[in-house]
Protein backbone atom coordinates (compact mmCIF):
# COMPACT_ATOMS: atom_id res chain seq x y z
CA UNK A 1 95.86 101.64 65.67
CA UNK A 2 93.41 99.86 67.97
CA UNK A 3 89.72 100.48 67.48
CA UNK A 4 87.44 100.62 70.54
CA UNK A 5 83.74 100.31 71.25
CA UNK A 6 82.41 102.50 74.03
CA UNK A 7 79.16 102.08 75.94
CA UNK A 8 77.91 104.47 78.63
CA UNK A 9 74.96 104.15 80.99
CA UNK A 10 73.69 106.28 83.86
CA UNK A 11 71.53 104.78 86.63
CA UNK A 12 69.92 106.23 89.76
CA UNK A 13 70.20 104.00 92.83
CA UNK A 14 68.12 104.60 95.94
CA UNK A 15 70.97 104.47 98.44
CA UNK A 16 73.39 107.06 99.89
CA UNK A 17 76.50 107.83 97.83
CA UNK A 18 78.88 106.43 100.47
CA UNK A 19 77.03 103.10 100.48
CA UNK A 20 76.92 102.92 96.67
CA UNK A 21 80.63 103.74 96.30
CA UNK A 22 81.53 101.14 98.93
CA UNK A 23 79.42 98.42 97.31
CA UNK A 24 80.79 99.03 93.81
CA UNK A 25 84.37 98.93 95.15
CA UNK A 26 83.87 95.84 97.35
CA UNK A 27 85.17 92.98 95.21
CA UNK A 28 84.92 90.45 98.05
CA UNK A 29 81.24 91.30 98.56
CA UNK A 30 80.60 90.81 94.84
CA UNK A 31 82.20 87.36 95.07
CA UNK A 32 80.51 86.30 98.34
CA UNK A 33 77.03 87.57 97.39
CA UNK A 34 77.33 86.44 93.73
CA UNK A 35 76.14 89.89 92.70
CA UNK A 36 76.98 89.20 89.03
CA UNK A 37 76.32 85.50 88.30
CA UNK A 38 77.80 85.71 84.77
CA UNK A 39 81.11 87.11 86.04
CA UNK A 40 83.86 85.37 87.97
CA UNK A 41 86.29 87.43 90.03
CA UNK A 42 89.54 86.56 91.75
CA UNK A 43 91.24 89.20 93.90
CA UNK A 44 95.01 89.27 93.41
CA UNK A 45 95.74 92.26 95.67
CA UNK A 46 93.77 95.06 97.25
CA UNK A 47 94.36 98.24 99.25
CA UNK A 48 92.19 101.21 100.17
CA UNK A 49 92.35 102.89 96.74
CA UNK A 50 93.75 100.17 94.47
CA UNK A 51 93.07 96.59 93.50
CA UNK A 52 94.29 94.02 91.05
CA UNK A 53 91.88 91.27 90.10
CA UNK A 54 91.00 88.68 87.46
CA UNK A 55 87.61 88.84 85.75
CA UNK A 56 86.21 86.12 83.54
CA UNK A 57 83.15 86.64 81.36
CA UNK A 58 81.67 85.21 78.17
CA UNK A 59 80.98 87.75 75.40
CA UNK A 60 79.91 86.84 71.88
CA UNK A 61 80.36 83.19 72.83
CA UNK A 62 84.02 83.67 73.76
CA UNK A 63 85.37 83.16 77.26
CA UNK A 64 87.37 86.26 78.13
CA UNK A 65 89.85 86.46 80.97
CA UNK A 66 91.40 89.77 81.97
CA UNK A 67 93.58 91.10 84.75
CA UNK A 68 92.31 94.50 85.84
CA UNK A 69 94.00 97.18 87.89
CA UNK A 70 91.64 99.44 89.82
CA UNK A 71 92.32 103.04 90.82
CA UNK A 72 89.91 104.84 93.14
CA UNK A 73 90.10 108.65 93.25
CA UNK A 74 90.95 110.17 96.66
CA UNK A 75 87.38 111.52 97.01
CA UNK A 76 85.94 108.11 96.07
CA UNK A 77 83.66 109.60 93.41
CA UNK A 78 85.54 108.12 90.46
CA UNK A 79 86.90 104.62 89.95
CA UNK A 80 88.61 103.14 86.86
CA UNK A 81 89.38 99.50 86.19
CA UNK A 82 91.90 99.05 83.36
CA UNK A 83 92.63 95.72 81.70
CA UNK A 84 96.40 95.27 81.84
CA UNK A 85 96.48 91.67 80.63
CA UNK A 86 94.14 89.44 78.67
CA UNK A 87 91.56 89.52 75.93
CA UNK A 88 90.53 93.16 76.52
CA UNK A 89 93.97 94.56 77.34
CA UNK A 90 93.87 98.35 77.11
CA UNK A 91 90.12 98.46 77.74
CA UNK A 92 88.56 100.05 80.79
CA UNK A 93 85.49 100.31 82.97
CA UNK A 94 84.94 103.72 84.54
CA UNK A 95 82.52 104.58 87.34
CA UNK A 96 81.43 108.03 88.52
CA UNK A 97 79.23 108.61 91.55
CA UNK A 98 77.22 111.73 92.41
CA UNK A 99 74.40 112.45 94.86
CA UNK A 100 71.05 112.67 93.13
CA UNK A 101 67.30 112.75 93.61
CA UNK A 102 64.51 110.89 91.89
CA UNK A 103 60.83 111.42 92.70
CA UNK A 104 61.90 113.40 95.77
CA UNK A 105 64.02 110.54 97.11
CA UNK A 106 67.72 110.92 97.86
CA UNK A 107 70.05 108.51 96.14
CA UNK A 108 73.09 108.25 93.92
CA UNK A 109 73.62 108.70 90.21
CA UNK A 110 76.07 106.15 88.88
CA UNK A 111 77.64 106.72 85.46
CA UNK A 112 79.38 103.66 84.00
CA UNK A 113 81.48 103.75 80.83
CA UNK A 114 82.95 100.60 79.29
CA UNK A 115 85.61 100.95 76.62
CA UNK A 116 86.79 97.71 74.97
CA UNK A 117 89.20 97.09 72.11
CA UNK A 118 87.82 95.50 68.97
CA UNK A 119 89.92 92.43 68.08
CA UNK A 120 92.20 93.07 65.10
CA UNK A 121 90.55 92.08 61.83
CA UNK A 122 87.10 91.92 63.42
CA UNK A 123 86.09 95.57 62.98
CA UNK A 124 82.99 94.46 61.11
CA UNK A 125 81.78 92.95 64.41
CA UNK A 126 82.08 96.24 66.32
CA UNK A 127 78.31 96.99 66.21
CA UNK A 128 77.51 93.45 67.45
CA UNK A 129 80.13 93.74 70.21
CA UNK A 130 78.76 97.13 71.23
CA UNK A 131 75.20 95.76 71.45
CA UNK A 132 76.37 92.79 73.55
CA UNK A 133 78.41 95.03 75.88
CA UNK A 134 75.36 97.31 76.31
CA UNK A 135 73.16 94.31 77.26
CA UNK A 136 75.74 93.05 79.76
CA UNK A 137 76.27 96.54 81.23
CA UNK A 138 72.52 97.07 81.74
CA UNK A 139 72.24 93.64 83.40
CA UNK A 140 75.24 94.27 85.68
CA UNK A 141 74.00 97.71 86.78
CA UNK A 142 70.54 96.24 87.47
CA UNK A 143 72.21 93.54 89.61
CA UNK A 144 74.14 96.16 91.62
CA UNK A 145 70.96 98.22 92.01
CA UNK A 146 69.09 95.15 93.29
CA UNK A 147 71.93 94.32 95.67
CA UNK A 148 71.84 97.84 97.11
CA UNK A 149 68.10 98.54 97.15
CA UNK A 150 66.61 95.10 97.82
CA UNK A 151 69.20 92.92 99.56
CA UNK A 152 70.89 95.86 101.24
CA UNK A 153 74.60 96.55 101.49
CA UNK A 154 76.38 95.76 103.67
CA UNK A 155 74.33 92.68 104.42
CA UNK A 156 74.55 91.29 107.89
CA UNK A 157 76.48 88.05 107.93
CA UNK A 158 75.06 85.23 109.97
CA UNK A 159 77.43 82.86 111.68
CA UNK A 160 76.24 79.35 110.82
CA UNK A 161 77.92 77.95 113.92
CA UNK A 162 76.30 80.44 116.29
CA UNK A 163 73.17 81.39 114.38
CA UNK A 164 73.70 85.05 115.27
CA UNK A 165 74.47 88.13 113.21
CA UNK A 166 78.18 88.81 112.94
């Protein structure tokens, strides 16, 4: 039986729910804007409510490559990425979005849950893996928050050839 570590984090982001959902789901934007510098993404296929992509990351000093399949709920308020191939096969990253307020400001509550398998025979490392996953999750959510609140999503693209907003 496979053992898993699970890490959950909730974050308030000062942007409307539709904008936050769109940014989290926009793989191409994450690539183009280098939202997560420690992650490398490659889109294999994508449709309105599904995607298949490769993610590479280094955890505990090991380069991990996974193929994820994404499912977005019809209402857009829930999204799950499941590793179907690679180091973390069977693991998942779940996102839930809900409107929320903080200090009287409208925004979005984002709940992220990461569930990763512990490599066979390395159960003793589960607490270390969990701590590393928590650090990486907090960093990634902070990067998304910065992208949404500071840089702004969607960012206007400037045509280098024309020097005008596209």
